[in-house]
N, C-alpha and C. Protein backbone atom coordinates (compact mmCIF):
# COMPACT_ATOMS: atom_id res chain seq x y z
N MET A 1 -7.96 -12.34 17.04
CA MET A 1 -8.23 -12.65 15.61
C MET A 1 -7.04 -12.35 14.74
N ASN A 2 -6.53 -13.35 14.12
CA ASN A 2 -5.31 -13.14 13.34
C ASN A 2 -5.57 -13.07 11.96
N SER A 3 -6.65 -12.51 11.49
CA SER A 3 -6.97 -12.22 10.06
C SER A 3 -7.87 -11.12 10.10
N LYS A 4 -7.95 -10.36 8.91
CA LYS A 4 -8.74 -9.28 8.90
C LYS A 4 -10.29 -9.57 8.85
N PRO A 5 -10.98 -8.76 9.67
CA PRO A 5 -12.49 -8.96 9.85
C PRO A 5 -13.22 -8.81 8.43
N ARG A 6 -14.32 -9.51 8.32
CA ARG A 6 -15.26 -9.42 7.23
C ARG A 6 -15.82 -8.10 7.21
N ARG A 7 -16.27 -7.63 6.04
CA ARG A 7 -17.02 -6.37 5.80
C ARG A 7 -18.09 -6.15 6.69
N GLU A 8 -18.95 -7.25 7.13
CA GLU A 8 -19.97 -7.01 7.88
C GLU A 8 -19.65 -6.63 9.35
N ALA A 9 -18.46 -6.85 9.75
CA ALA A 9 -18.09 -6.54 11.11
C ALA A 9 -18.15 -5.04 11.46
N PHE A 10 -18.03 -4.20 10.24
CA PHE A 10 -17.88 -2.75 10.35
C PHE A 10 -19.15 -2.09 10.18
N THR A 11 -19.35 -1.01 10.83
CA THR A 11 -20.53 0.01 10.47
C THR A 11 -20.42 0.55 9.13
N LYS A 12 -21.50 1.10 8.61
CA LYS A 12 -21.57 1.77 7.46
C LYS A 12 -20.60 2.82 7.30
N LYS A 13 -20.49 3.66 8.37
CA LYS A 13 -19.48 4.76 8.45
C LYS A 13 -18.20 4.34 8.35
N GLU A 14 -17.80 3.24 9.19
CA GLU A 14 -16.50 2.68 9.16
C GLU A 14 -16.05 2.29 7.81
N TRP A 15 -16.93 1.44 7.25
CA TRP A 15 -16.50 0.86 6.02
C TRP A 15 -16.48 1.95 4.88
N LYS A 16 -17.24 3.08 4.99
CA LYS A 16 -16.92 4.13 3.95
C LYS A 16 -15.55 4.82 4.10
N ILE A 17 -15.02 4.82 5.41
CA ILE A 17 -13.82 5.40 5.63
C ILE A 17 -12.75 4.31 5.02
N ILE A 18 -12.98 3.20 5.19
CA ILE A 18 -12.02 2.13 4.71
C ILE A 18 -11.94 2.14 3.17
N GLU A 19 -13.09 2.19 2.61
CA GLU A 19 -13.21 2.15 1.10
C GLU A 19 -12.60 3.32 0.48
N SER A 20 -12.60 4.44 1.16
CA SER A 20 -12.22 5.84 0.51
C SER A 20 -10.73 6.15 0.90
N HIS A 21 -10.17 5.24 1.82
CA HIS A 21 -8.70 5.46 2.11
C HIS A 21 -7.84 4.18 1.90
N SER A 22 -7.54 3.85 0.69
CA SER A 22 -6.99 2.57 0.35
C SER A 22 -5.32 2.55 0.27
N THR A 23 -4.71 3.75 0.38
CA THR A 23 -3.36 3.92 0.42
C THR A 23 -2.76 4.54 1.57
N PRO A 24 -1.45 4.27 1.93
CA PRO A 24 -0.97 4.97 3.15
C PRO A 24 -1.09 6.43 3.16
N ARG A 25 -0.85 6.97 1.95
CA ARG A 25 -0.80 8.55 1.85
C ARG A 25 -2.29 8.96 2.18
N GLU A 26 -3.31 8.22 1.67
CA GLU A 26 -4.72 8.70 1.90
C GLU A 26 -5.14 8.60 3.33
N VAL A 27 -4.57 7.35 4.02
CA VAL A 27 -4.79 7.35 5.41
C VAL A 27 -3.98 8.41 6.21
N GLN A 28 -2.84 8.70 5.95
CA GLN A 28 -2.04 9.85 6.53
C GLN A 28 -2.80 11.07 6.44
N ARG A 29 -3.31 11.43 5.32
CA ARG A 29 -4.10 12.68 5.18
C ARG A 29 -5.31 12.63 6.10
N TYR A 30 -6.03 11.63 6.05
CA TYR A 30 -7.26 11.34 6.92
C TYR A 30 -6.86 11.73 8.41
N LEU A 31 -5.83 11.07 8.82
CA LEU A 31 -5.44 11.19 10.32
C LEU A 31 -4.87 12.63 10.59
N SER A 32 -4.17 13.11 9.59
CA SER A 32 -3.60 14.59 9.84
C SER A 32 -4.75 15.58 9.92
N ARG A 33 -5.83 15.35 9.36
CA ARG A 33 -6.82 16.25 9.41
C ARG A 33 -7.76 16.11 10.57
N MET A 34 -7.69 14.92 11.28
CA MET A 34 -8.47 14.76 12.48
C MET A 34 -7.89 15.36 13.65
N PRO A 35 -8.77 15.92 14.52
CA PRO A 35 -8.45 16.73 15.70
C PRO A 35 -7.63 15.78 16.62
N TYR A 36 -6.57 16.30 17.21
CA TYR A 36 -5.73 15.60 18.15
C TYR A 36 -6.55 15.30 19.46
N ASN A 37 -6.38 14.11 20.03
CA ASN A 37 -6.98 13.71 21.41
C ASN A 37 -6.00 14.19 22.43
N TRP A 38 -6.39 15.26 23.14
CA TRP A 38 -5.51 15.87 24.13
C TRP A 38 -5.82 15.20 25.56
N GLU A 39 -6.64 14.12 25.62
CA GLU A 39 -6.99 13.53 26.81
C GLU A 39 -7.32 14.35 28.00
N ARG A 40 -8.18 15.37 27.70
CA ARG A 40 -8.47 16.35 28.83
C ARG A 40 -9.32 15.76 29.93
N ASN A 41 -10.00 14.65 29.63
CA ASN A 41 -10.76 14.03 30.73
C ASN A 41 -10.10 12.76 31.26
N GLY A 42 -8.82 12.58 31.06
CA GLY A 42 -8.06 11.45 31.55
C GLY A 42 -7.44 10.66 30.35
N ALA A 43 -6.60 9.80 30.60
CA ALA A 43 -5.85 9.06 29.59
C ALA A 43 -6.81 8.01 28.92
N THR A 44 -6.59 7.85 27.60
CA THR A 44 -7.47 7.03 26.75
C THR A 44 -6.52 6.18 25.94
N LEU A 45 -6.97 5.02 25.47
CA LEU A 45 -6.41 4.20 24.37
C LEU A 45 -7.59 3.58 23.63
N ARG A 46 -8.07 4.38 22.62
CA ARG A 46 -9.32 3.92 21.84
C ARG A 46 -9.06 3.03 20.68
N SER A 47 -9.91 2.11 20.42
CA SER A 47 -10.01 1.33 19.27
C SER A 47 -10.32 2.18 18.05
N PHE A 48 -10.24 1.57 16.78
CA PHE A 48 -10.55 2.22 15.65
C PHE A 48 -11.99 2.60 15.68
N ARG A 49 -13.00 1.77 16.40
CA ARG A 49 -14.27 2.01 16.20
C ARG A 49 -14.52 3.36 17.04
N GLU A 50 -13.83 3.42 18.12
CA GLU A 50 -14.12 4.54 19.02
C GLU A 50 -13.43 5.76 18.60
N VAL A 51 -12.32 5.66 17.73
CA VAL A 51 -11.65 6.87 17.00
C VAL A 51 -12.66 7.46 16.01
N VAL A 52 -13.22 6.43 15.34
CA VAL A 52 -14.28 7.00 14.24
C VAL A 52 -15.51 7.66 14.88
N LYS A 53 -16.07 7.12 15.89
CA LYS A 53 -17.15 7.61 16.75
C LYS A 53 -16.83 9.04 17.26
N ARG A 54 -15.44 9.28 17.72
CA ARG A 54 -15.31 10.47 18.50
C ARG A 54 -14.59 11.45 17.65
N ASP A 55 -14.09 11.01 16.47
CA ASP A 55 -13.34 11.82 15.47
C ASP A 55 -12.19 12.49 16.23
N GLU A 56 -11.31 11.87 16.91
CA GLU A 56 -10.15 12.40 17.50
C GLU A 56 -9.16 11.35 17.85
N ALA A 57 -7.84 11.58 18.01
CA ALA A 57 -6.92 10.46 18.10
C ALA A 57 -5.70 10.97 18.61
N HIS A 58 -4.92 10.41 19.48
CA HIS A 58 -3.50 10.75 19.84
C HIS A 58 -2.69 9.66 19.04
N CYS A 59 -1.40 9.67 19.28
CA CYS A 59 -0.45 8.99 18.32
C CYS A 59 -0.71 7.46 18.34
N LEU A 60 -0.85 6.87 19.41
CA LEU A 60 -1.20 5.40 19.36
C LEU A 60 -2.58 5.09 18.76
N GLU A 61 -3.51 5.82 19.17
CA GLU A 61 -4.88 5.62 18.63
C GLU A 61 -4.85 5.75 17.09
N ALA A 62 -4.12 6.80 16.64
CA ALA A 62 -4.10 7.08 15.07
C ALA A 62 -3.38 5.85 14.51
N ALA A 63 -2.34 5.41 15.16
CA ALA A 63 -1.59 4.28 14.52
C ALA A 63 -2.36 3.05 14.51
N LEU A 64 -3.27 2.74 15.43
CA LEU A 64 -4.26 1.72 15.39
C LEU A 64 -5.23 1.82 14.37
N ALA A 65 -5.82 3.06 14.23
CA ALA A 65 -6.77 3.29 13.18
C ALA A 65 -6.20 3.18 11.75
N ALA A 66 -4.89 3.43 11.58
CA ALA A 66 -4.23 3.20 10.38
C ALA A 66 -4.10 1.63 10.07
N THR A 67 -3.91 0.94 11.11
CA THR A 67 -3.66 -0.46 11.01
C THR A 67 -4.90 -1.11 10.53
N VAL A 68 -6.05 -0.69 11.23
CA VAL A 68 -7.39 -1.43 10.87
C VAL A 68 -7.77 -1.01 9.32
N ILE A 69 -7.64 0.20 8.99
CA ILE A 69 -7.96 0.69 7.73
C ILE A 69 -7.19 -0.01 6.60
N LEU A 70 -5.72 -0.11 6.82
CA LEU A 70 -4.92 -0.68 5.79
C LEU A 70 -4.92 -2.12 5.82
N GLU A 71 -5.22 -2.82 7.03
CA GLU A 71 -5.37 -4.29 6.95
C GLU A 71 -6.41 -4.68 5.92
N GLN A 72 -7.51 -3.95 5.71
CA GLN A 72 -8.42 -4.26 4.81
C GLN A 72 -7.81 -4.22 3.39
N HIS A 73 -6.86 -3.44 3.18
CA HIS A 73 -6.32 -3.40 1.86
C HIS A 73 -4.83 -4.15 1.67
N GLY A 74 -4.78 -5.19 2.51
CA GLY A 74 -3.64 -6.08 2.38
C GLY A 74 -2.45 -5.75 3.14
N TYR A 75 -2.46 -4.79 4.01
CA TYR A 75 -1.17 -4.55 4.71
C TYR A 75 -1.31 -5.17 6.14
N PRO A 76 -0.11 -5.81 6.54
CA PRO A 76 -0.05 -6.50 7.79
C PRO A 76 -0.07 -5.35 8.89
N PRO A 77 -0.68 -5.76 10.15
CA PRO A 77 -0.74 -4.81 11.19
C PRO A 77 0.49 -4.59 11.99
N LEU A 78 1.41 -3.72 11.48
CA LEU A 78 2.83 -3.49 12.08
C LEU A 78 2.75 -2.26 12.76
N LEU A 79 3.22 -2.29 13.92
CA LEU A 79 3.49 -1.08 14.70
C LEU A 79 4.98 -0.86 15.07
N LEU A 80 5.63 0.41 15.07
CA LEU A 80 6.89 0.65 15.48
C LEU A 80 6.79 1.47 16.68
N SER A 81 7.46 1.01 17.69
CA SER A 81 7.45 1.86 19.00
C SER A 81 8.72 2.46 19.27
N PHE A 82 8.71 3.74 19.57
CA PHE A 82 10.02 4.48 20.03
C PHE A 82 10.04 4.64 21.46
N GLU A 83 11.16 4.42 22.00
CA GLU A 83 11.45 4.64 23.40
C GLU A 83 12.18 5.89 23.68
N SER A 84 11.76 6.74 24.46
CA SER A 84 12.35 8.00 24.62
C SER A 84 12.85 8.09 26.08
N GLN A 85 13.94 9.06 26.25
CA GLN A 85 14.58 9.19 27.58
C GLN A 85 13.62 9.59 28.72
N ASP A 86 12.58 10.33 28.21
CA ASP A 86 11.62 10.96 29.23
C ASP A 86 10.38 9.94 29.34
N LYS A 87 10.49 8.87 28.86
CA LYS A 87 9.34 7.86 28.97
C LYS A 87 8.04 8.18 28.15
N LEU A 88 8.14 9.38 27.37
CA LEU A 88 6.97 9.82 26.63
C LEU A 88 7.23 9.22 25.18
N ASP A 89 6.80 7.95 24.87
CA ASP A 89 7.01 7.15 23.81
C ASP A 89 6.19 7.59 22.69
N HIS A 90 6.45 7.04 21.56
CA HIS A 90 5.69 7.44 20.28
C HIS A 90 5.58 6.10 19.55
N VAL A 91 4.43 5.97 18.69
CA VAL A 91 4.10 4.75 18.04
C VAL A 91 3.56 5.19 16.71
N ILE A 92 3.97 4.36 15.69
CA ILE A 92 3.64 4.67 14.22
C ILE A 92 3.28 3.43 13.63
N PHE A 93 2.49 3.47 12.58
CA PHE A 93 2.11 2.26 11.69
C PHE A 93 3.18 2.36 10.58
N VAL A 94 3.77 1.15 10.30
CA VAL A 94 4.76 0.98 9.37
C VAL A 94 4.35 -0.01 8.26
N PHE A 95 4.78 0.17 7.12
CA PHE A 95 4.44 -0.49 5.83
C PHE A 95 5.71 -0.58 4.95
N GLN A 96 5.59 -1.56 4.01
CA GLN A 96 6.58 -1.73 2.96
C GLN A 96 5.79 -1.54 1.61
N LYS A 97 6.67 -0.76 0.61
CA LYS A 97 6.22 -0.70 -0.71
C LYS A 97 7.65 -0.84 -1.57
N ASN A 98 7.48 -1.88 -2.53
CA ASN A 98 8.63 -2.05 -3.24
C ASN A 98 9.93 -2.37 -2.38
N LYS A 99 9.60 -3.02 -1.25
CA LYS A 99 10.62 -3.48 -0.13
C LYS A 99 11.20 -2.37 0.45
N LEU A 100 10.74 -1.25 0.44
CA LEU A 100 11.23 0.04 1.10
C LEU A 100 10.14 0.24 2.17
N TRP A 101 10.56 0.77 3.33
CA TRP A 101 9.77 1.10 4.51
C TRP A 101 9.28 2.53 4.61
N GLY A 102 7.94 2.70 4.91
CA GLY A 102 7.40 3.86 5.19
C GLY A 102 6.53 3.84 6.47
N SER A 103 5.88 4.83 6.74
CA SER A 103 5.17 4.94 8.13
C SER A 103 3.89 5.99 7.88
N ILE A 104 3.09 5.82 8.91
CA ILE A 104 2.01 6.63 9.06
C ILE A 104 2.04 7.02 10.64
N GLY A 105 1.94 8.34 10.87
CA GLY A 105 1.88 8.65 12.22
C GLY A 105 1.21 9.95 12.48
N ARG A 106 0.76 10.22 13.82
CA ARG A 106 -0.03 11.32 14.19
C ARG A 106 0.57 11.82 15.37
N SER A 107 0.71 13.12 15.56
CA SER A 107 1.40 13.74 16.76
C SER A 107 0.93 15.20 16.89
N ARG A 108 1.36 15.70 18.03
CA ARG A 108 1.32 17.27 18.20
C ARG A 108 2.38 17.81 17.46
N ASP A 109 3.34 17.16 17.02
CA ASP A 109 4.44 17.70 16.42
C ASP A 109 4.56 17.17 15.03
N ILE A 110 4.51 18.03 14.10
CA ILE A 110 4.35 17.57 12.69
C ILE A 110 5.57 16.71 12.22
N GLY A 111 6.70 16.83 12.66
CA GLY A 111 7.80 16.11 12.29
C GLY A 111 7.76 14.63 12.75
N LEU A 112 6.74 14.24 13.61
CA LEU A 112 6.56 12.96 13.99
C LEU A 112 5.37 12.23 13.25
N HIS A 113 4.89 12.89 12.20
CA HIS A 113 3.87 12.22 11.35
C HIS A 113 4.68 11.16 10.50
N GLY A 114 3.94 10.78 9.37
CA GLY A 114 4.36 9.71 8.52
C GLY A 114 5.69 10.02 7.78
N ARG A 115 6.19 8.90 7.07
CA ARG A 115 7.33 8.97 6.11
C ARG A 115 6.97 8.34 4.83
N LYS A 116 7.53 8.92 3.70
CA LYS A 116 7.33 8.28 2.44
C LYS A 116 8.14 6.80 2.47
N PRO A 117 7.61 5.87 1.61
CA PRO A 117 8.44 4.63 1.69
C PRO A 117 9.68 4.63 0.88
N VAL A 118 10.67 5.11 1.45
CA VAL A 118 12.04 5.20 0.82
C VAL A 118 13.22 4.62 1.56
N PHE A 119 12.87 3.98 2.83
CA PHE A 119 13.93 3.65 3.69
C PHE A 119 14.19 2.07 3.51
N ARG A 120 15.43 1.76 3.43
CA ARG A 120 15.87 0.40 3.17
C ARG A 120 15.54 -0.48 4.33
N ASN A 121 15.74 -0.02 5.50
CA ASN A 121 15.39 -0.87 6.80
C ASN A 121 14.76 0.06 7.75
N LEU A 122 14.31 -0.63 8.87
CA LEU A 122 13.70 -0.02 9.94
C LEU A 122 14.61 0.88 10.70
N ARG A 123 15.79 0.70 10.76
CA ARG A 123 16.74 1.49 11.49
C ARG A 123 16.83 2.84 10.77
N GLN A 124 16.87 2.93 9.53
CA GLN A 124 16.92 4.19 8.77
C GLN A 124 15.62 4.94 8.93
N LEU A 125 14.53 4.21 8.97
CA LEU A 125 13.27 4.78 9.24
C LEU A 125 13.27 5.41 10.63
N ALA A 126 13.47 4.63 11.59
CA ALA A 126 13.51 5.20 12.97
C ALA A 126 14.51 6.34 13.13
N TRP A 127 15.62 6.31 12.52
CA TRP A 127 16.50 7.46 12.54
C TRP A 127 16.03 8.77 11.96
N SER A 128 15.08 8.61 10.94
CA SER A 128 14.60 9.85 10.40
C SER A 128 13.68 10.59 11.43
N TYR A 129 13.43 9.95 12.51
CA TYR A 129 12.54 10.61 13.59
C TYR A 129 13.28 11.29 14.66
N PHE A 130 14.74 11.02 14.70
CA PHE A 130 15.54 11.43 15.77
C PHE A 130 15.55 12.78 15.99
N ASP A 131 15.76 13.53 15.00
CA ASP A 131 15.86 15.05 15.19
C ASP A 131 14.63 15.71 15.47
N PRO A 132 13.45 15.29 14.84
CA PRO A 132 12.19 15.92 15.17
C PRO A 132 11.74 15.61 16.60
N TYR A 133 12.22 14.46 17.07
CA TYR A 133 11.78 14.03 18.34
C TYR A 133 12.28 14.88 19.49
N ILE A 134 13.15 15.58 19.25
CA ILE A 134 13.82 16.34 20.41
C ILE A 134 13.00 17.52 20.71
N ASP A 135 12.57 17.57 21.99
CA ASP A 135 11.98 18.85 22.48
C ASP A 135 12.62 19.05 23.86
N TYR A 136 11.89 19.70 24.72
CA TYR A 136 12.55 20.03 26.07
C TYR A 136 13.09 18.78 26.90
N SER A 137 12.46 17.60 26.47
CA SER A 137 12.85 16.39 27.28
C SER A 137 12.94 15.10 26.43
N GLY A 138 12.57 15.17 25.23
CA GLY A 138 12.50 13.95 24.38
C GLY A 138 13.86 13.57 23.62
N ARG A 139 14.13 12.33 23.61
CA ARG A 139 15.32 11.78 22.86
C ARG A 139 15.06 10.38 22.52
N ILE A 140 15.04 9.94 21.29
CA ILE A 140 14.77 8.44 20.97
C ILE A 140 16.06 7.68 21.49
N MET A 141 15.79 6.70 22.21
CA MET A 141 16.80 5.69 22.70
C MET A 141 16.82 4.35 22.06
N GLY A 142 15.54 4.01 21.42
CA GLY A 142 15.49 2.70 20.88
C GLY A 142 14.11 2.50 20.03
N TYR A 143 14.00 1.48 19.31
CA TYR A 143 12.73 1.33 18.46
C TYR A 143 12.55 -0.31 18.66
N GLY A 144 11.19 -0.64 18.50
CA GLY A 144 10.76 -1.98 18.43
C GLY A 144 9.51 -2.21 17.50
N LEU A 145 9.60 -3.33 16.86
CA LEU A 145 8.60 -3.66 15.98
C LEU A 145 7.80 -4.74 16.53
N THR A 146 6.39 -4.67 16.25
CA THR A 146 5.42 -5.78 16.60
C THR A 146 4.37 -5.97 15.42
N ASN A 147 3.84 -7.07 15.43
CA ASN A 147 2.75 -7.49 14.67
C ASN A 147 1.54 -7.67 15.53
N LEU A 148 0.38 -6.87 15.44
CA LEU A 148 -0.70 -7.01 16.41
C LEU A 148 -1.28 -8.27 16.41
N TYR A 149 -1.01 -9.17 15.31
CA TYR A 149 -1.67 -10.52 15.57
C TYR A 149 -0.98 -11.34 16.63
N GLU A 150 0.10 -10.85 17.22
CA GLU A 150 0.68 -11.48 18.37
C GLU A 150 -0.28 -11.30 19.45
N LEU A 151 -1.19 -10.39 19.50
CA LEU A 151 -2.22 -10.36 20.66
C LEU A 151 -3.33 -11.27 20.62
N GLY A 152 -3.28 -12.24 19.62
CA GLY A 152 -4.24 -13.22 19.65
C GLY A 152 -5.70 -12.78 19.30
N ASN A 153 -6.73 -13.07 20.20
CA ASN A 153 -8.02 -12.75 19.94
C ASN A 153 -8.35 -11.37 20.65
N TYR A 154 -7.46 -10.68 21.23
CA TYR A 154 -7.71 -9.56 21.96
C TYR A 154 -8.35 -8.48 20.91
N ASP A 155 -9.35 -7.82 21.34
CA ASP A 155 -10.02 -6.93 20.49
C ASP A 155 -9.62 -5.49 20.38
N TRP A 156 -8.54 -5.39 19.56
CA TRP A 156 -7.96 -3.96 19.46
C TRP A 156 -8.62 -3.22 18.32
N ARG A 157 -9.62 -3.69 17.57
CA ARG A 157 -10.24 -3.06 16.49
C ARG A 157 -11.54 -2.44 16.93
N PHE A 158 -12.32 -3.12 17.74
CA PHE A 158 -13.71 -2.58 17.85
C PHE A 158 -14.15 -2.38 19.42
N SER A 159 -13.25 -2.60 20.25
CA SER A 159 -13.70 -2.64 21.72
C SER A 159 -14.15 -1.22 22.04
N ASP A 160 -15.19 -1.14 22.83
CA ASP A 160 -15.70 0.20 23.38
C ASP A 160 -14.98 0.55 24.65
N LYS A 161 -14.10 -0.27 25.07
CA LYS A 161 -13.35 0.06 26.38
C LYS A 161 -11.84 0.42 25.89
N ASN A 162 -11.07 1.19 26.92
CA ASN A 162 -9.72 1.42 26.66
C ASN A 162 -8.86 0.10 26.51
N ILE A 163 -8.11 0.04 25.46
CA ILE A 163 -7.30 -1.22 25.10
C ILE A 163 -5.96 -1.27 25.65
N TRP A 164 -5.74 -1.09 26.95
CA TRP A 164 -4.43 -0.87 27.50
C TRP A 164 -3.54 -2.14 27.28
N LYS A 165 -4.07 -3.28 26.90
CA LYS A 165 -3.17 -4.39 26.70
C LYS A 165 -2.17 -4.17 25.48
N VAL A 166 -2.73 -3.22 24.53
CA VAL A 166 -1.90 -2.95 23.39
C VAL A 166 -0.69 -2.09 23.93
N GLU A 167 -0.87 -1.14 24.67
CA GLU A 167 0.27 -0.22 25.41
C GLU A 167 1.16 -1.19 26.06
N ARG A 168 0.82 -2.09 26.90
CA ARG A 168 1.47 -3.05 27.77
C ARG A 168 2.51 -3.83 26.88
N HIS A 169 1.76 -4.29 25.72
CA HIS A 169 2.41 -5.22 24.71
C HIS A 169 3.64 -4.40 24.15
N LEU A 170 3.34 -3.17 23.75
CA LEU A 170 4.38 -2.23 23.14
C LEU A 170 5.56 -2.05 24.15
N GLN A 171 5.25 -1.96 25.46
CA GLN A 171 6.31 -1.64 26.31
C GLN A 171 7.09 -2.91 26.64
N GLU A 172 6.59 -4.12 26.38
CA GLU A 172 7.31 -5.26 26.78
C GLU A 172 8.16 -5.97 25.58
N ILE A 173 7.79 -5.48 24.31
CA ILE A 173 8.47 -6.08 23.17
C ILE A 173 10.00 -5.61 23.21
N PRO A 174 10.85 -6.37 22.67
CA PRO A 174 12.32 -6.01 22.60
C PRO A 174 12.47 -4.70 21.82
N HIS A 175 13.32 -3.82 22.24
CA HIS A 175 13.64 -2.59 21.48
C HIS A 175 15.14 -2.50 21.23
N ARG A 176 15.43 -2.20 19.96
CA ARG A 176 16.91 -2.03 19.53
C ARG A 176 17.41 -0.62 19.78
N GLU A 177 18.60 -0.57 20.36
CA GLU A 177 19.19 0.71 20.78
C GLU A 177 19.41 1.55 19.62
N ILE A 178 19.18 2.96 19.58
CA ILE A 178 19.62 3.84 18.74
C ILE A 178 20.70 4.77 19.33
N LYS A 179 21.92 4.49 18.87
CA LYS A 179 22.98 5.36 19.36
C LYS A 179 23.09 6.65 18.71
N SER A 180 23.27 7.75 19.59
CA SER A 180 23.34 9.01 18.94
C SER A 180 24.33 9.88 19.84
N SER A 181 24.90 10.76 19.13
CA SER A 181 26.02 11.52 19.79
C SER A 181 25.34 12.67 20.70
N ASP A 182 25.88 12.95 21.84
CA ASP A 182 25.41 14.01 22.64
C ASP A 182 25.53 15.36 21.96
N ARG A 183 26.49 15.54 21.05
CA ARG A 183 26.67 16.80 20.48
C ARG A 183 25.54 17.07 19.48
N ARG A 184 25.02 16.06 18.62
CA ARG A 184 23.81 16.14 17.80
C ARG A 184 22.65 16.53 18.63
N TYR A 185 22.42 15.81 19.71
CA TYR A 185 21.27 16.02 20.63
C TYR A 185 21.39 17.39 21.13
N GLU A 186 22.36 17.92 21.61
CA GLU A 186 22.46 19.27 22.21
C GLU A 186 22.23 20.26 21.20
N LYS A 187 22.73 20.18 20.04
CA LYS A 187 22.59 21.05 18.89
C LYS A 187 21.11 21.24 18.58
N PHE A 188 20.35 20.07 18.58
CA PHE A 188 18.86 20.27 18.07
C PHE A 188 18.07 20.64 19.29
N LEU A 189 18.46 20.35 20.59
CA LEU A 189 17.77 20.84 21.65
C LEU A 189 17.92 22.27 21.72
N ALA A 190 19.15 22.84 21.57
CA ALA A 190 19.22 24.30 21.66
C ALA A 190 18.43 25.03 20.49
N ARG A 191 18.47 24.42 19.36
CA ARG A 191 17.63 25.07 18.24
C ARG A 191 16.09 24.96 18.56
N TYR A 192 15.73 23.91 19.20
CA TYR A 192 14.25 23.76 19.69
C TYR A 192 13.78 24.78 20.66
N LYS A 193 14.82 25.05 21.54
CA LYS A 193 14.48 26.08 22.65
C LYS A 193 14.45 27.41 22.05
N GLU A 194 15.29 27.76 21.14
CA GLU A 194 15.36 28.98 20.52
C GLU A 194 14.16 29.24 19.62
N PHE A 195 13.76 28.17 18.93
CA PHE A 195 12.46 28.20 18.00
C PHE A 195 11.28 28.54 18.88
N LYS A 196 11.07 27.91 20.01
CA LYS A 196 9.99 28.11 20.92
C LYS A 196 9.93 29.47 21.52
N LYS A 197 11.02 30.16 21.73
CA LYS A 197 10.96 31.51 22.24
C LYS A 197 10.13 32.42 21.42
N THR A 198 10.21 32.26 20.13
CA THR A 198 9.51 33.14 19.06
C THR A 198 8.28 32.49 18.61
N HIS A 199 8.10 31.15 18.69
CA HIS A 199 7.02 30.38 18.09
C HIS A 199 6.48 29.46 19.14
N PRO A 200 5.90 30.02 20.12
CA PRO A 200 5.55 28.99 21.41
C PRO A 200 4.44 28.08 21.07
N HIS A 201 3.62 28.44 20.09
CA HIS A 201 2.46 27.50 19.70
C HIS A 201 2.49 26.84 18.51
N GLU A 202 3.73 26.83 17.88
CA GLU A 202 4.13 26.12 16.65
C GLU A 202 4.87 24.84 16.77
N SER A 203 4.80 23.98 15.73
CA SER A 203 5.70 22.88 15.68
C SER A 203 6.75 23.11 14.82
N PRO A 204 8.06 22.85 15.07
CA PRO A 204 9.11 23.15 14.05
C PRO A 204 9.13 22.17 12.90
N SER A 205 9.52 22.78 11.79
CA SER A 205 9.53 22.06 10.52
C SER A 205 10.87 22.33 9.79
N TYR A 206 11.88 22.71 10.59
CA TYR A 206 13.11 23.18 9.90
C TYR A 206 14.21 22.01 9.68
N PHE A 207 13.74 20.74 9.75
CA PHE A 207 14.61 19.65 9.54
C PHE A 207 14.91 19.44 8.03
N ALA A 208 16.06 18.88 7.90
CA ALA A 208 16.65 18.70 6.54
C ALA A 208 15.96 17.51 5.79
N ASN A 209 15.29 16.48 6.60
CA ASN A 209 14.58 15.45 5.94
C ASN A 209 13.10 15.65 5.71
N ARG A 210 12.72 17.00 5.77
CA ARG A 210 11.19 17.15 5.71
C ARG A 210 10.65 16.65 4.30
N HIS A 211 11.57 16.65 3.22
CA HIS A 211 10.98 16.23 1.93
C HIS A 211 10.65 14.77 1.98
N LEU A 212 11.05 14.11 3.07
CA LEU A 212 10.61 12.60 3.15
C LEU A 212 9.37 12.37 3.91
N TRP A 213 8.78 13.48 4.41
CA TRP A 213 7.65 13.47 5.34
C TRP A 213 6.37 13.16 4.35
N MET A 214 5.62 12.30 4.98
CA MET A 214 4.26 12.13 4.14
C MET A 214 3.15 12.91 4.87
N ARG A 215 2.56 13.69 3.94
CA ARG A 215 1.71 14.61 4.63
C ARG A 215 0.15 14.23 4.00
């Protein structure tokens, strides 16, 4: 389906969420409050409908939920995929306001949530995630953009089954390389390790660009 569904396609609960979250900031707050899906019973990739039913989401599920909600308010269904050196990739919903890019994201790490629409291009937006992405093994190597309408009639909005085709699609799209210095990476890796010694259960927020984060 390459156009937004009609209102009657949604349940009463789903439509209430859509009506009450009409801006990216409101959607980010909705997803930030939602419990994180730790996949304790096995890997999942749930549609918007299943996310609403279960009231939990991991990063890609949250990005898909944001896509469905904001599609109803005129935003195209755009996802940005990050490739990491450890193969633990991250996906965010991206949008434009006044020709500037912003994003919505959900993660175990607060630095990987959304960004205010202040970036002139996608590379700048992607680079804003580089430092917060660094943990014991993570390092962004590239980013790729897709429009979910490319999936044709595949049901990524309402399916009651895992929608693995979305994940495969994101793995197959072209990604642009992000070049970064080993010195910068090693600096933030050392800082992350030091932070975790004293704050093992917290997510770092010491990054200089945190004023650009959307909460």
